[in-house]
């Protein structure tokens, strides 16, 4: 029996799980600052995620 991605993440020590709906709300993109650099996480028309610098 294979594990689901949610189980895989839950089993990883130090891993946080966020629902994309909580992260995006009604927006189509969010800006994320990491190590002084700004990244954009976008939701596509096909409901896929794209992270760009």
N, C-alpha and C. Protein backbone atom coordinates (compact mmCIF):
# COMPACT_ATOMS: atom_id res chain seq x y z
N UNK A 1 0.84 -1.18 0.00
CA UNK A 1 0.00 0.00 0.00
C UNK A 1 0.88 1.24 0.00
N UNK A 2 0.66 2.17 -0.94
CA UNK A 2 1.45 3.39 -1.03
C UNK A 2 0.92 4.44 -0.07
N UNK A 3 1.83 5.29 0.40
CA UNK A 3 1.41 6.39 1.27
C UNK A 3 1.02 7.58 0.41
N UNK A 4 0.16 8.43 0.96
CA UNK A 4 -0.26 9.63 0.23
C UNK A 4 0.77 10.73 0.46
N UNK A 5 0.77 11.76 -0.42
CA UNK A 5 1.71 12.87 -0.21
C UNK A 5 1.52 13.54 1.15
N UNK A 6 0.27 13.62 1.63
CA UNK A 6 0.02 14.21 2.94
C UNK A 6 0.69 13.41 4.04
N UNK A 7 0.63 12.09 3.95
CA UNK A 7 1.28 11.25 4.95
C UNK A 7 2.80 11.41 4.86
N UNK A 8 3.34 11.51 3.66
CA UNK A 8 4.78 11.68 3.49
C UNK A 8 5.25 12.97 4.16
N UNK A 9 4.52 14.07 3.95
CA UNK A 9 4.88 15.35 4.54
C UNK A 9 4.72 15.29 6.05
N UNK A 10 3.64 14.70 6.52
CA UNK A 10 3.39 14.61 7.95
C UNK A 10 4.48 13.81 8.66
N UNK A 11 5.08 12.87 7.97
CA UNK A 11 6.11 12.02 8.57
C UNK A 11 7.48 12.69 8.59
N UNK A 12 7.64 13.81 7.90
CA UNK A 12 8.93 14.48 7.81
C UNK A 12 9.11 15.40 9.02
N UNK A 13 10.14 15.18 9.83
CA UNK A 13 10.36 16.06 10.97
C UNK A 13 10.66 17.49 10.51
N UNK A 14 10.05 18.45 11.15
CA UNK A 14 10.31 19.85 10.82
C UNK A 14 9.55 20.35 9.61
N UNK A 15 8.74 19.53 8.97
CA UNK A 15 7.99 19.95 7.79
C UNK A 15 6.66 20.57 8.22
N UNK A 16 6.31 21.68 7.59
CA UNK A 16 5.02 22.32 7.84
C UNK A 16 4.12 22.04 6.65
N UNK A 17 2.84 21.87 6.91
CA UNK A 17 1.90 21.64 5.82
C UNK A 17 0.89 22.78 5.81
N UNK A 18 0.79 23.44 4.66
CA UNK A 18 -0.16 24.52 4.47
C UNK A 18 -1.10 24.17 3.34
N UNK A 19 -2.34 24.57 3.48
CA UNK A 19 -3.28 24.40 2.37
C UNK A 19 -3.11 25.61 1.45
N UNK A 20 -3.06 25.36 0.15
CA UNK A 20 -2.86 26.46 -0.79
C UNK A 20 -3.97 27.50 -0.67
N UNK A 21 -5.16 27.08 -0.35
CA UNK A 21 -6.28 28.02 -0.18
C UNK A 21 -5.98 29.00 0.95
N UNK A 22 -5.36 28.50 2.03
CA UNK A 22 -4.99 29.38 3.14
C UNK A 22 -3.90 30.35 2.73
N UNK A 23 -3.00 29.91 1.89
CA UNK A 23 -1.88 30.74 1.45
C UNK A 23 -2.33 31.78 0.43
N UNK A 24 -3.16 31.40 -0.52
CA UNK A 24 -3.57 32.28 -1.61
C UNK A 24 -4.83 33.08 -1.30
N UNK A 25 -5.75 32.53 -0.55
CA UNK A 25 -7.04 33.18 -0.37
C UNK A 25 -7.71 33.26 -1.74
N UNK A 26 -8.07 34.48 -2.16
CA UNK A 26 -8.69 34.67 -3.48
C UNK A 26 -7.69 35.17 -4.52
N UNK A 27 -6.44 35.32 -4.12
CA UNK A 27 -5.40 35.82 -5.02
C UNK A 27 -4.91 34.71 -5.95
N UNK A 28 -4.28 35.10 -7.03
CA UNK A 28 -3.69 34.14 -7.98
C UNK A 28 -2.19 34.02 -7.78
N UNK A 29 -1.60 34.91 -6.95
CA UNK A 29 -0.17 34.82 -6.67
C UNK A 29 0.13 35.39 -5.29
N UNK A 30 1.22 34.95 -4.72
CA UNK A 30 1.71 35.47 -3.44
C UNK A 30 3.20 35.74 -3.57
N UNK A 31 3.67 36.74 -2.87
CA UNK A 31 5.10 37.06 -2.85
C UNK A 31 5.68 36.46 -1.57
N UNK A 32 6.85 35.85 -1.70
CA UNK A 32 7.53 35.20 -0.58
C UNK A 32 8.95 35.77 -0.51
N UNK A 33 9.31 36.32 0.66
CA UNK A 33 10.67 36.81 0.84
C UNK A 33 11.48 35.72 1.52
N UNK A 34 12.61 35.39 0.90
CA UNK A 34 13.51 34.36 1.45
C UNK A 34 14.95 34.82 1.27
N UNK A 35 15.64 34.95 2.38
CA UNK A 35 17.07 35.30 2.35
C UNK A 35 17.33 36.58 1.56
N UNK A 36 16.42 37.56 1.74
CA UNK A 36 16.58 38.85 1.09
C UNK A 36 16.13 38.91 -0.35
N UNK A 37 15.62 37.82 -0.88
CA UNK A 37 15.17 37.76 -2.27
C UNK A 37 13.66 37.55 -2.29
N UNK A 38 12.98 38.16 -3.26
CA UNK A 38 11.53 38.04 -3.40
C UNK A 38 11.21 36.99 -4.46
N UNK A 39 10.35 36.05 -4.10
CA UNK A 39 9.88 35.02 -5.03
C UNK A 39 8.38 35.19 -5.21
N UNK A 40 7.88 34.74 -6.34
CA UNK A 40 6.44 34.77 -6.60
C UNK A 40 5.95 33.34 -6.80
N UNK A 41 4.95 32.97 -6.05
CA UNK A 41 4.29 31.68 -6.20
C UNK A 41 2.95 31.93 -6.87
N UNK A 42 2.79 31.38 -8.08
CA UNK A 42 1.58 31.63 -8.87
C UNK A 42 0.76 30.37 -9.04
N UNK A 43 -0.53 30.57 -9.13
CA UNK A 43 -1.49 29.50 -9.42
C UNK A 43 -1.90 29.64 -10.88
N UNK A 44 -1.70 28.59 -11.67
CA UNK A 44 -1.99 28.65 -13.11
C UNK A 44 -3.46 28.35 -13.40
N UNK A 45 -3.85 28.56 -14.65
CA UNK A 45 -5.22 28.22 -15.08
C UNK A 45 -5.50 26.74 -14.94
N UNK A 46 -4.45 25.92 -15.00
CA UNK A 46 -4.61 24.47 -14.86
C UNK A 46 -4.46 24.00 -13.42
N UNK A 47 -4.49 24.98 -12.49
CA UNK A 47 -4.43 24.71 -11.05
C UNK A 47 -3.09 24.10 -10.63
N UNK A 48 -2.03 24.51 -11.30
CA UNK A 48 -0.66 24.09 -10.95
C UNK A 48 0.03 25.26 -10.27
N UNK A 49 1.12 24.97 -9.54
CA UNK A 49 1.88 26.01 -8.86
C UNK A 49 3.21 26.24 -9.59
N UNK A 50 3.57 27.53 -9.73
CA UNK A 50 4.85 27.89 -10.33
C UNK A 50 5.54 28.87 -9.38
N UNK A 51 6.79 28.58 -9.02
CA UNK A 51 7.59 29.45 -8.18
C UNK A 51 8.69 30.08 -9.03
N UNK A 52 8.75 31.43 -9.04
CA UNK A 52 9.77 32.12 -9.82
C UNK A 52 10.48 33.14 -8.94
N UNK A 53 11.71 33.44 -9.31
CA UNK A 53 12.50 34.45 -8.58
C UNK A 53 12.40 35.77 -9.27
